[in-house]
Protein backbone atom coordinates (compact mmCIF):
# COMPACT_ATOMS: atom_id res chain seq x y z
CA MET A 1 -12.51 3.62 -16.65
CA PHE A 2 -13.16 6.08 -13.82
CA GLU A 3 -11.92 5.56 -10.30
CA HIS A 4 -14.43 3.99 -7.94
CA GLY A 5 -14.10 4.69 -4.24
CA ASP A 6 -13.77 7.82 -2.10
CA TYR A 7 -10.95 8.54 0.34
CA VAL A 8 -9.15 11.24 2.26
CA VAL A 9 -5.48 10.94 3.27
CA GLY A 10 -3.50 12.94 5.82
CA VAL A 11 -0.75 12.85 8.44
CA ASN A 12 -1.01 13.30 12.21
CA GLN A 13 2.31 13.17 14.11
CA GLN A 14 3.98 9.93 12.87
CA VAL A 15 0.66 8.40 11.80
CA LEU A 16 -0.64 8.24 8.24
CA LEU A 17 -4.41 8.75 8.22
CA PHE A 18 -6.71 7.14 5.66
CA VAL A 19 -10.50 7.25 5.56
CA GLY A 20 -12.16 5.57 2.61
CA GLN A 21 -15.37 4.19 1.23
CA GLY A 22 -15.33 1.45 -1.37
CA PRO A 23 -15.65 -0.72 -3.26
CA TRP A 24 -12.33 0.02 -4.97
CA ASN A 25 -11.10 -0.45 -8.52
CA ASP A 26 -7.63 -0.30 -10.12
CA GLU A 27 -7.92 3.38 -11.03
CA ALA A 28 -8.83 4.38 -7.47
CA MET A 29 -5.94 2.29 -6.12
CA LEU A 30 -3.45 4.01 -8.43
CA VAL A 31 -4.64 7.54 -7.63
CA GLY A 32 -4.84 6.68 -3.91
CA ALA A 33 -1.30 5.27 -3.88
CA LYS A 34 0.01 8.54 -5.33
CA LYS A 35 -1.88 10.61 -2.75
CA MET A 36 -0.61 8.36 0.04
CA GLY A 37 2.93 8.68 -1.31
CA ARG A 38 2.74 12.47 -1.06
CA GLN A 39 1.53 12.23 2.55
CA ILE A 40 4.14 9.61 3.46
CA SER A 41 6.83 12.01 2.24
CA LEU A 42 5.71 14.43 5.02
CA LEU A 43 6.58 11.92 7.77
CA ASP A 44 9.91 11.94 9.61
CA HIS A 45 11.67 9.02 7.90
CA SER A 46 14.32 8.80 10.62
CA LYS A 47 11.56 7.29 12.82
CA PRO A 48 9.08 4.46 12.33
CA TRP A 49 5.49 5.37 11.54
CA ALA A 50 2.03 3.83 11.79
CA GLN A 51 -1.24 4.07 9.92
CA LEU A 52 -4.80 4.60 11.13
CA SER A 53 -7.36 3.59 8.53
CA CYS A 54 -11.13 3.85 8.65
CA LEU A 55 -13.17 1.99 6.06
CA VAL A 56 -16.83 2.79 5.52
CA GLY A 57 -19.37 0.57 3.80
CA GLU A 58 -18.40 -2.15 1.35
CA SER A 59 -14.68 -1.47 1.04
CA LEU A 60 -13.74 -4.53 -1.03
CA MET A 61 -11.35 -5.02 -3.96
CA PRO A 62 -11.50 -7.20 -7.07
CA PRO A 63 -8.44 -9.47 -7.65
CA SER A 64 -6.43 -7.03 -9.79
CA THR A 65 -6.95 -4.22 -7.28
CA PHE A 66 -6.08 -6.56 -4.41
CA ASN A 67 -2.76 -7.41 -6.10
CA ALA A 68 -1.95 -3.71 -6.52
CA PHE A 69 -2.91 -3.13 -2.87
CA VAL A 70 -0.47 -5.83 -1.70
CA HIS A 71 2.26 -4.27 -3.86
CA HIS A 72 1.68 -0.78 -2.42
CA SER A 73 1.43 -2.16 1.12
CA LYS A 74 4.89 -3.72 0.72
CA ILE A 75 6.21 -0.34 -0.43
CA ARG A 76 4.72 1.35 2.66
CA LYS A 77 6.45 -1.25 4.86
CA GLN A 78 9.78 -0.58 3.09
CA LYS A 79 9.29 3.13 3.78
CA GLY A 80 8.95 2.53 7.53
CA LEU A 81 5.35 1.49 8.27
CA VAL A 82 5.42 -0.73 11.37
CA CYS A 83 1.76 -1.22 12.30
CA LEU A 84 -1.72 -0.43 11.13
CA ALA A 85 -4.98 0.07 13.05
CA ILE A 86 -8.17 -0.39 11.02
CA VAL A 87 -11.64 0.81 11.98
CA ILE A 88 -14.57 -0.55 9.95
CA LEU A 89 -17.84 1.38 10.13
CA ALA A 90 -21.33 0.98 8.64
CA SER A 91 -20.55 -2.21 6.73
CA GLU A 92 -22.66 -5.28 6.03
CA VAL A 93 -19.52 -7.14 4.92
CA ALA A 94 -17.06 -6.31 7.72
CA ASN A 95 -15.89 -9.92 8.09
CA THR A 96 -15.16 -10.18 4.36
CA ILE A 97 -13.23 -6.89 4.48
CA LYS A 98 -11.23 -8.18 7.44
CA GLN A 99 -10.39 -11.41 5.59
CA GLN A 100 -9.30 -9.58 2.45
CA LEU A 101 -7.18 -7.01 4.29
CA SER A 102 -5.63 -9.61 6.60
CA ALA A 103 -4.58 -11.64 3.56
CA ALA A 104 -2.95 -8.55 2.04
CA TYR A 105 -1.20 -7.43 5.23
CA LEU A 106 0.06 -10.95 5.91
CA GLN A 107 1.62 -11.01 2.43
CA ALA A 108 3.19 -7.60 3.14
CA ASP A 109 4.24 -8.68 6.67
CA ILE A 110 2.55 -5.69 8.35
CA GLU A 111 1.27 -5.92 11.92
CA HIS A 112 -2.40 -4.94 11.86
CA GLN A 113 -5.46 -5.01 14.06
CA PHE A 114 -9.17 -4.30 13.50
CA PHE A 115 -11.27 -2.13 15.83
CA PRO A 116 -14.94 -1.17 16.13
CA SER A 117 -14.09 2.45 17.09
CA PHE A 118 -11.50 5.18 16.67
CA GLU A 119 -10.96 5.29 20.44
CA LEU A 120 -9.83 1.67 20.64
CA ALA A 121 -7.64 2.04 17.55
CA ILE A 122 -5.99 5.16 18.98
CA GLU A 123 -5.34 3.38 22.30
CA TRP A 124 -3.71 0.46 20.45
CA LEU A 125 -1.47 2.84 18.48
CA ALA A 126 -0.53 4.69 21.70
CA GLN A 127 0.54 1.37 23.24
CA ARG A 128 2.96 1.10 20.31
CA GLN A 129 4.31 4.63 20.96
CA PHE A 130 2.32 6.37 18.20
CA ASP A 131 0.39 9.31 19.59
CA ILE A 132 -2.29 11.21 17.74
CA ASP A 133 -3.20 14.85 18.19
CA ARG A 134 -6.98 14.59 18.84
CA PRO A 135 -8.03 18.09 17.69
CA GLU A 136 -6.00 17.60 14.51
CA LEU A 137 -7.63 14.18 13.97
CA ASN A 138 -11.11 15.65 14.48
CA ALA A 139 -10.36 18.38 11.92
CA PHE A 140 -9.16 15.71 9.48
CA LEU A 141 -12.29 13.58 9.99
CA LYS A 142 -14.56 16.58 9.27
CA GLN A 143 -13.23 16.48 5.67
CA CYS A 144 -14.75 13.02 5.19
CA ASP A 145 -18.29 13.63 3.93
CA PHE A 146 -19.06 9.91 3.73
CA LEU A 147 -18.06 9.18 7.36
CA PRO A 148 -21.09 8.19 9.47
CA SER A 149 -21.66 10.26 12.60
CA ARG A 150 -19.60 9.01 15.48
């Protein structure tokens, strides 16, 4: 089967960046976990790090993909992830996405919060001592063809 779901992954300071559009399947989760792993290796592992995720559209997972997501989330926590800010855009099922992700992050014991905008997510991360270089973030976001205009 082919992977289903688009995403772009990067690093900004001590923040892992993820922008994706689902729904997701097992193949996309496996390829995405490898790409995230390569980006995580670029972080300074002597310090904690955070993640800023933006999900567009119907970013949901079937049960097998959800289980893999929980597994990979636990690995990210073991590698130093301390908190995660999630922005959901252009979705008719935002509440369902929030429920599914909250269930996963609770199993992985990862502090997380949902936001309606990048600005609020960035402020929340800054309160936790994770700064983001704005020009670098804007350059990263330009790579995301499926991102609605902000």
